[in-house]
């Protein structure tokens, strides 16, 4: 799932799903390259700005499944 939030003026809590798996959730920002309709590569650069955001029941300690990742 992906989404875009433009402007919010209140605190946000992102809560992991405790029923689906062992690591409950991740917040991921990444770069990717896709091909357009002509077959030319298009580079998409990911960026994230967070303020007053709480991550609750997310990720695992000491491994690659952190709550917040930048790949």
PDB file of N, CA and C in Angstrom:
ATOM      1  N   UNK A   1       0.845  -1.166   0.000  1.00  0.00           N
ATOM      2  CA  UNK A   1       0.000   0.000   0.000  1.00  0.00           C
ATOM      3  C   UNK A   1       0.889   1.226   0.000  1.00  0.00           C
ATOM      4  N   UNK A   2       0.512   2.246  -0.722  1.00  0.00           N
ATOM      5  CA  UNK A   2       1.224   3.507  -0.656  1.00  0.00           C
ATOM      6  C   UNK A   2       0.224   4.641  -0.683  1.00  0.00           C
ATOM      7  N   UNK A   3       0.644   5.755  -0.174  1.00  0.00           N
ATOM      8  CA  UNK A   3      -0.251   6.898  -0.132  1.00  0.00           C
ATOM      9  C   UNK A   3       0.532   8.180   0.005  1.00  0.00           C
ATOM     10  N   UNK A   4      -0.143   9.266  -0.212  1.00  0.00           N
ATOM     11  CA  UNK A   4       0.484  10.576  -0.118  1.00  0.00           C
ATOM     12  C   UNK A   4      -0.366  11.453   0.785  1.00  0.00           C
ATOM     13  N   UNK A   5       0.307  12.090   1.717  1.00  0.00           N
ATOM     14  CA  UNK A   5      -0.363  13.033   2.617  1.00  0.00           C
ATOM     15  C   UNK A   5       0.261  14.386   2.380  1.00  0.00           C
ATOM     16  N   UNK A   6      -0.532  15.371   2.070  1.00  0.00           N
ATOM     17  CA  UNK A   6      -0.002  16.688   1.747  1.00  0.00           C
ATOM     18  C   UNK A   6       0.163  17.552   2.993  1.00  0.00           C
ATOM     19  N   UNK A   7      -0.894  17.766   3.760  1.00  0.00           N
ATOM     20  CA  UNK A   7      -0.813  18.637   4.924  1.00  0.00           C
ATOM     21  C   UNK A   7      -1.798  18.160   5.976  1.00  0.00           C
ATOM     22  N   UNK A   8      -1.270  17.902   7.149  1.00  0.00           N
ATOM     23  CA  UNK A   8      -2.110  17.577   8.297  1.00  0.00           C
ATOM     24  C   UNK A   8      -1.672  18.469   9.446  1.00  0.00           C
ATOM     25  N   UNK A   9      -2.600  18.883  10.259  1.00  0.00           N
ATOM     26  CA  UNK A   9      -2.249  19.781  11.347  1.00  0.00           C
ATOM     27  C   UNK A   9      -2.502  19.164  12.717  1.00  0.00           C
ATOM     28  N   UNK A  10      -2.445  17.852  12.827  1.00  0.00           N
ATOM     29  CA  UNK A  10      -2.605  17.186  14.113  1.00  0.00           C
ATOM     30  C   UNK A  10      -1.632  16.023  14.210  1.00  0.00           C
ATOM     31  N   UNK A  11      -1.446  15.509  15.414  1.00  0.00           N
ATOM     32  CA  UNK A  11      -0.539  14.388  15.631  1.00  0.00           C
ATOM     33  C   UNK A  11      -1.096  13.129  14.971  1.00  0.00           C
ATOM     34  N   UNK A  12      -0.189  12.267  14.516  1.00  0.00           N
ATOM     35  CA  UNK A  12      -0.559  11.057  13.793  1.00  0.00           C
ATOM     36  C   UNK A  12       0.041   9.851  14.506  1.00  0.00           C
ATOM     37  N   UNK A  13      -0.723   8.761  14.615  1.00  0.00           N
ATOM     38  CA  UNK A  13      -0.229   7.486  15.125  1.00  0.00           C
ATOM     39  C   UNK A  13      -0.367   6.459  14.010  1.00  0.00           C
ATOM     40  N   UNK A  14       0.745   5.825  13.651  1.00  0.00           N
ATOM     41  CA  UNK A  14       0.734   4.740  12.681  1.00  0.00           C
ATOM     42  C   UNK A  14       0.906   3.461  13.488  1.00  0.00           C
ATOM     43  N   UNK A  15      -0.115   2.606  13.470  1.00  0.00           N
ATOM     44  CA  UNK A  15      -0.123   1.420  14.315  1.00  0.00           C
ATOM     45  C   UNK A  15      -0.004   0.155  13.474  1.00  0.00           C
ATOM     46  N   UNK A  16       0.870  -0.750  13.894  1.00  0.00           N
ATOM     47  CA  UNK A  16       1.079  -2.007  13.200  1.00  0.00           C
ATOM     48  C   UNK A  16      -0.057  -2.985  13.442  1.00  0.00           C
ATOM     49  N   UNK A  17      -0.195  -3.922  12.527  1.00  0.00           N
ATOM     50  CA  UNK A  17      -1.212  -4.971  12.608  1.00  0.00           C
ATOM     51  C   UNK A  17      -0.643  -6.139  13.386  1.00  0.00           C
ATOM     52  N   UNK A  18      -1.189  -6.446  14.539  1.00  0.00           N
ATOM     53  CA  UNK A  18      -0.658  -7.495  15.411  1.00  0.00           C
ATOM     54  C   UNK A  18      -1.103  -8.891  14.990  1.00  0.00           C
ATOM     55  N   UNK A  19      -1.991  -9.033  14.023  1.00  0.00           N
ATOM     56  CA  UNK A  19      -2.534 -10.348  13.685  1.00  0.00           C
ATOM     57  C   UNK A  19      -1.888 -10.994  12.467  1.00  0.00           C
ATOM     58  N   UNK A  20      -1.215 -10.231  11.601  1.00  0.00           N
ATOM     59  CA  UNK A  20      -0.830 -10.763  10.297  1.00  0.00           C
ATOM     60  C   UNK A  20       0.507 -11.490  10.264  1.00  0.00           C
ATOM     61  N   UNK A  21       1.507 -11.060  11.036  1.00  0.00           N
ATOM     62  CA  UNK A  21       2.834 -11.669  10.941  1.00  0.00           C
ATOM     63  C   UNK A  21       3.653 -11.333  12.180  1.00  0.00           C
ATOM     64  N   UNK A  22       4.959 -11.637  12.128  1.00  0.00           N
ATOM     65  CA  UNK A  22       5.811 -11.428  13.296  1.00  0.00           C
ATOM     66  C   UNK A  22       6.338 -10.011  13.437  1.00  0.00           C
ATOM     67  N   UNK A  23       6.321  -9.225  12.392  1.00  0.00           N
ATOM     68  CA  UNK A  23       6.942  -7.904  12.508  1.00  0.00           C
ATOM     69  C   UNK A  23       5.955  -6.755  12.431  1.00  0.00           C
ATOM     70  N   UNK A  24       4.715  -6.951  12.215  1.00  0.00           N
ATOM     71  CA  UNK A  24       3.618  -6.006  12.428  1.00  0.00           C
ATOM     72  C   UNK A  24       3.536  -4.825  11.465  1.00  0.00           C
ATOM     73  N   UNK A  25       4.620  -4.332  10.931  1.00  0.00           N
ATOM     74  CA  UNK A  25       4.509  -3.252   9.964  1.00  0.00           C
ATOM     75  C   UNK A  25       5.811  -2.509   9.769  1.00  0.00           C
ATOM     76  N   UNK A  26       5.952  -1.854   8.622  1.00  0.00           N
ATOM     77  CA  UNK A  26       7.109  -1.032   8.305  1.00  0.00           C
ATOM     78  C   UNK A  26       6.653   0.218   7.572  1.00  0.00           C
ATOM     79  N   UNK A  27       7.375   1.288   7.753  1.00  0.00           N
ATOM     80  CA  UNK A  27       7.180   2.528   7.008  1.00  0.00           C
ATOM     81  C   UNK A  27       8.400   2.646   6.110  1.00  0.00           C
ATOM     82  N   UNK A  28       8.200   2.545   4.803  1.00  0.00           N
ATOM     83  CA  UNK A  28       9.309   2.445   3.858  1.00  0.00           C
ATOM     84  C   UNK A  28       9.328   3.619   2.896  1.00  0.00           C
ATOM     85  N   UNK A  29      10.519   4.188   2.729  1.00  0.00           N
ATOM     86  CA  UNK A  29      10.761   5.198   1.695  1.00  0.00           C
ATOM     87  C   UNK A  29      11.850   4.658   0.790  1.00  0.00           C
ATOM     88  N   UNK A  30      11.628   4.675  -0.515  1.00  0.00           N
ATOM     89  CA  UNK A  30      12.586   4.066  -1.434  1.00  0.00           C
ATOM     90  C   UNK A  30      12.640   4.832  -2.756  1.00  0.00           C
ATOM     91  N   UNK A  31      13.701   4.613  -3.495  1.00  0.00           N
ATOM     92  CA  UNK A  31      13.827   5.095  -4.872  1.00  0.00           C
ATOM     93  C   UNK A  31      13.497   3.937  -5.801  1.00  0.00           C
ATOM     94  N   UNK A  32      12.982   4.240  -6.974  1.00  0.00           N
ATOM     95  CA  UNK A  32      12.693   3.182  -7.945  1.00  0.00           C
ATOM     96  C   UNK A  32      12.821   3.725  -9.364  1.00  0.00           C
ATOM     97  N   UNK A  33      13.049   2.824 -10.284  1.00  0.00           N
ATOM     98  CA  UNK A  33      13.109   3.173 -11.708  1.00  0.00           C
ATOM     99  C   UNK A  33      12.065   2.333 -12.435  1.00  0.00           C
ATOM    100  N   UNK A  34      11.172   2.993 -13.161  1.00  0.00           N
ATOM    101  CA  UNK A  34      10.150   2.323 -13.948  1.00  0.00           C
ATOM    102  C   UNK A  34      10.318   2.712 -15.406  1.00  0.00           C
ATOM    103  N   UNK A  35       9.724   1.949 -16.292  1.00  0.00           N
ATOM    104  CA  UNK A  35       9.760   2.265 -17.723  1.00  0.00           C
ATOM    105  C   UNK A  35       8.466   2.960 -18.120  1.00  0.00           C
ATOM    106  N   UNK A  36       8.597   4.031 -18.908  1.00  0.00           N
ATOM    107  CA  UNK A  36       7.394   4.703 -19.410  1.00  0.00           C
ATOM    108  C   UNK A  36       6.841   3.937 -20.610  1.00  0.00           C
ATOM    109  N   UNK A  37       5.816   4.451 -21.248  1.00  0.00           N
ATOM    110  CA  UNK A  37       5.156   3.750 -22.352  1.00  0.00           C
ATOM    111  C   UNK A  37       6.072   3.575 -23.566  1.00  0.00           C
ATOM    112  N   UNK A  38       7.118   4.408 -23.675  1.00  0.00           N
ATOM    113  CA  UNK A  38       8.072   4.295 -24.783  1.00  0.00           C
ATOM    114  C   UNK A  38       9.244   3.381 -24.446  1.00  0.00           C
ATOM    115  N   UNK A  39       9.288   2.855 -23.229  1.00  0.00           N
ATOM    116  CA  UNK A  39      10.380   1.991 -22.818  1.00  0.00           C
ATOM    117  C   UNK A  39      11.561   2.727 -22.217  1.00  0.00           C
ATOM    118  N   UNK A  40      11.417   4.029 -22.008  1.00  0.00           N
ATOM    119  CA  UNK A  40      12.493   4.821 -21.418  1.00  0.00           C
ATOM    120  C   UNK A  40      12.407   4.756 -19.887  1.00  0.00           C
ATOM    121  N   UNK A  41      13.564   4.663 -19.204  1.00  0.00           N
ATOM    122  CA  UNK A  41      13.534   4.611 -17.744  1.00  0.00           C
ATOM    123  C   UNK A  41      13.156   5.962 -17.134  1.00  0.00           C
ATOM    124  N   UNK A  42      12.324   5.915 -16.111  1.00  0.00           N
ATOM    125  CA  UNK A  42      11.928   7.109 -15.361  1.00  0.00           C
ATOM    126  C   UNK A  42      12.318   6.864 -13.912  1.00  0.00           C
ATOM    127  N   UNK A  43      13.120   7.773 -13.354  1.00  0.00           N
ATOM    128  CA  UNK A  43      13.651   7.635 -12.004  1.00  0.00           C
ATOM    129  C   UNK A  43      12.743   8.365 -11.011  1.00  0.00           C
ATOM    130  N   UNK A  44      12.248   7.653 -10.006  1.00  0.00           N
ATOM    131  CA  UNK A  44      11.427   8.245  -8.952  1.00  0.00           C
ATOM    132  C   UNK A  44      12.238   8.257  -7.665  1.00  0.00           C
ATOM    133  N   UNK A  45      12.430   9.421  -7.076  1.00  0.00           N
ATOM    134  CA  UNK A  45      13.191   9.573  -5.838  1.00  0.00           C
ATOM    135  C   UNK A  45      12.235   9.692  -4.668  1.00  0.00           C
ATOM    136  N   UNK A  46      12.416   8.849  -3.665  1.00  0.00           N
ATOM    137  CA  UNK A  46      11.565   8.894  -2.481  1.00  0.00           C
ATOM    138  C   UNK A  46      12.093   9.884  -1.461  1.00  0.00           C
ATOM    139  N   UNK A  47      11.185  10.523  -0.760  1.00  0.00           N
ATOM    140  CA  UNK A  47      11.560  11.415   0.343  1.00  0.00           C
ATOM    141  C   UNK A  47      10.450  11.387   1.390  1.00  0.00           C
ATOM    142  N   UNK A  48      10.843  11.575   2.636  1.00  0.00           N
ATOM    143  CA  UNK A  48       9.885  11.540   3.732  1.00  0.00           C
ATOM    144  C   UNK A  48      10.213  12.641   4.722  1.00  0.00           C
ATOM    145  N   UNK A  49       9.213  13.402   5.099  1.00  0.00           N
ATOM    146  CA  UNK A  49       9.322  14.399   6.163  1.00  0.00           C
ATOM    147  C   UNK A  49       8.285  14.065   7.209  1.00  0.00           C
ATOM    148  N   UNK A  50       8.734  13.785   8.431  1.00  0.00           N
ATOM    149  CA  UNK A  50       7.826  13.411   9.511  1.00  0.00           C
ATOM    150  C   UNK A  50       7.962  14.392  10.662  1.00  0.00           C
ATOM    151  N   UNK A  51       6.842  14.754  11.238  1.00  0.00           N
ATOM    152  CA  UNK A  51       6.833  15.600  12.428  1.00  0.00           C
ATOM    153  C   UNK A  51       5.599  15.231  13.238  1.00  0.00           C
ATOM    154  N   UNK A  52       5.779  14.999  14.520  1.00  0.00           N
ATOM    155  CA  UNK A  52       4.683  14.626  15.424  1.00  0.00           C
ATOM    156  C   UNK A  52       4.003  13.333  14.979  1.00  0.00           C
ATOM    157  N   UNK A  53       4.805  12.325  14.592  1.00  0.00           N
ATOM    158  CA  UNK A  53       4.285  11.023  14.174  1.00  0.00           C
ATOM    159  C   UNK A  53       4.780   9.970  15.154  1.00  0.00           C
ATOM    160  N   UNK A  54       3.879   9.138  15.630  1.00  0.00           N
ATOM    161  CA  UNK A  54       4.218   8.037  16.529  1.00  0.00           C
ATOM    162  C   UNK A  54       4.038   6.719  15.785  1.00  0.00           C
ATOM    163  N   UNK A  55       5.050   5.841  15.882  1.00  0.00           N
ATOM    164  CA  UNK A  55       4.969   4.496  15.328  1.00  0.00           C
ATOM    165  C   UNK A  55       4.752   3.541  16.494  1.00  0.00           C
ATOM    166  N   UNK A  56       3.624   2.845  16.492  1.00  0.00           N
ATOM    167  CA  UNK A  56       3.213   2.008  17.614  1.00  0.00           C
ATOM    168  C   UNK A  56       3.046   0.564  17.146  1.00  0.00           C
ATOM    169  N   UNK A  57       3.693  -0.359  17.847  1.00  0.00           N
ATOM    170  CA  UNK A  57       3.638  -1.793  17.509  1.00  0.00           C
ATOM    171  C   UNK A  57       4.144  -2.045  16.089  1.00  0.00           C
ATOM    172  N   UNK A  58       5.306  -1.485  15.776  1.00  0.00           N
ATOM    173  CA  UNK A  58       5.888  -1.610  14.440  1.00  0.00           C
ATOM    174  C   UNK A  58       7.303  -2.165  14.546  1.00  0.00           C
ATOM    175  N   UNK A  59       7.731  -2.941  13.545  1.00  0.00           N
ATOM    176  CA  UNK A  59       9.107  -3.376  13.385  1.00  0.00           C
ATOM    177  C   UNK A  59       9.585  -4.384  14.413  1.00  0.00           C
ATOM    178  N   UNK A  60      10.876  -4.744  14.270  1.00  0.00           N
ATOM    179  CA  UNK A  60      11.573  -5.623  15.198  1.00  0.00           C
ATOM    180  C   UNK A  60      12.936  -5.014  15.490  1.00  0.00           C
ATOM    181  N   UNK A  61      13.451  -5.255  16.672  1.00  0.00           N
ATOM    182  CA  UNK A  61      14.759  -4.733  17.047  1.00  0.00           C
ATOM    183  C   UNK A  61      15.878  -5.589  16.455  1.00  0.00           C
ATOM    184  N   UNK A  62      16.996  -4.939  16.142  1.00  0.00           N
ATOM    185  CA  UNK A  62      18.251  -5.605  15.769  1.00  0.00           C
ATOM    186  C   UNK A  62      18.178  -6.473  14.515  1.00  0.00           C
ATOM    187  N   UNK A  63      17.420  -6.086  13.527  1.00  0.00           N
ATOM    188  CA  UNK A  63      17.442  -6.793  12.245  1.00  0.00           C
ATOM    189  C   UNK A  63      16.981  -5.842  11.139  1.00  0.00           C
ATOM    190  N   UNK A  64      16.824  -6.356   9.921  1.00  0.00           N
ATOM    191  CA  UNK A  64      16.465  -5.514   8.777  1.00  0.00           C
ATOM    192  C   UNK A  64      14.994  -5.134   8.744  1.00  0.00           C
ATOM    193  N   UNK A  65      14.212  -5.605   9.690  1.00  0.00           N
ATOM    194  CA  UNK A  65      12.779  -5.313   9.701  1.00  0.00           C
ATOM    195  C   UNK A  65      12.455  -4.180  10.678  1.00  0.00           C
ATOM    196  N   UNK A  66      13.118  -3.053  10.497  1.00  0.00           N
ATOM    197  CA  UNK A  66      12.900  -1.902  11.365  1.00  0.00           C
ATOM    198  C   UNK A  66      11.556  -1.249  11.062  1.00  0.00           C
ATOM    199  N   UNK A  67      11.060  -0.463  11.986  1.00  0.00           N
ATOM    200  CA  UNK A  67       9.782   0.225  11.789  1.00  0.00           C
ATOM    201  C   UNK A  67       9.879   1.273  10.686  1.00  0.00           C
ATOM    202  N   UNK A  68      11.011   1.968  10.586  1.00  0.00           N
ATOM    203  CA  UNK A  68      11.213   2.992   9.554  1.00  0.00           C
ATOM    204  C   UNK A  68      12.446   2.589   8.751  1.00  0.00           C
ATOM    205  N   UNK A  69      12.274   2.449   7.417  1.00  0.00           N
ATOM    206  CA  UNK A  69      13.375   2.034   6.553  1.00  0.00           C
ATOM    207  C   UNK A  69      13.503   2.971   5.364  1.00  0.00           C
ATOM    208  N   UNK A  70      14.757   3.176   4.951  1.00  0.00           N
ATOM    209  CA  UNK A  70      15.072   3.933   3.743  1.00  0.00           C
ATOM    210  C   UNK A  70      15.928   3.044   2.868  1.00  0.00           C
ATOM    211  N   UNK A  71      15.363   2.529   1.792  1.00  0.00           N
ATOM    212  CA  UNK A  71      16.081   1.637   0.860  1.00  0.00           C
ATOM    213  C   UNK A  71      16.314   2.329  -0.460  1.00  0.00           C
TER     214      UNK A  71
END
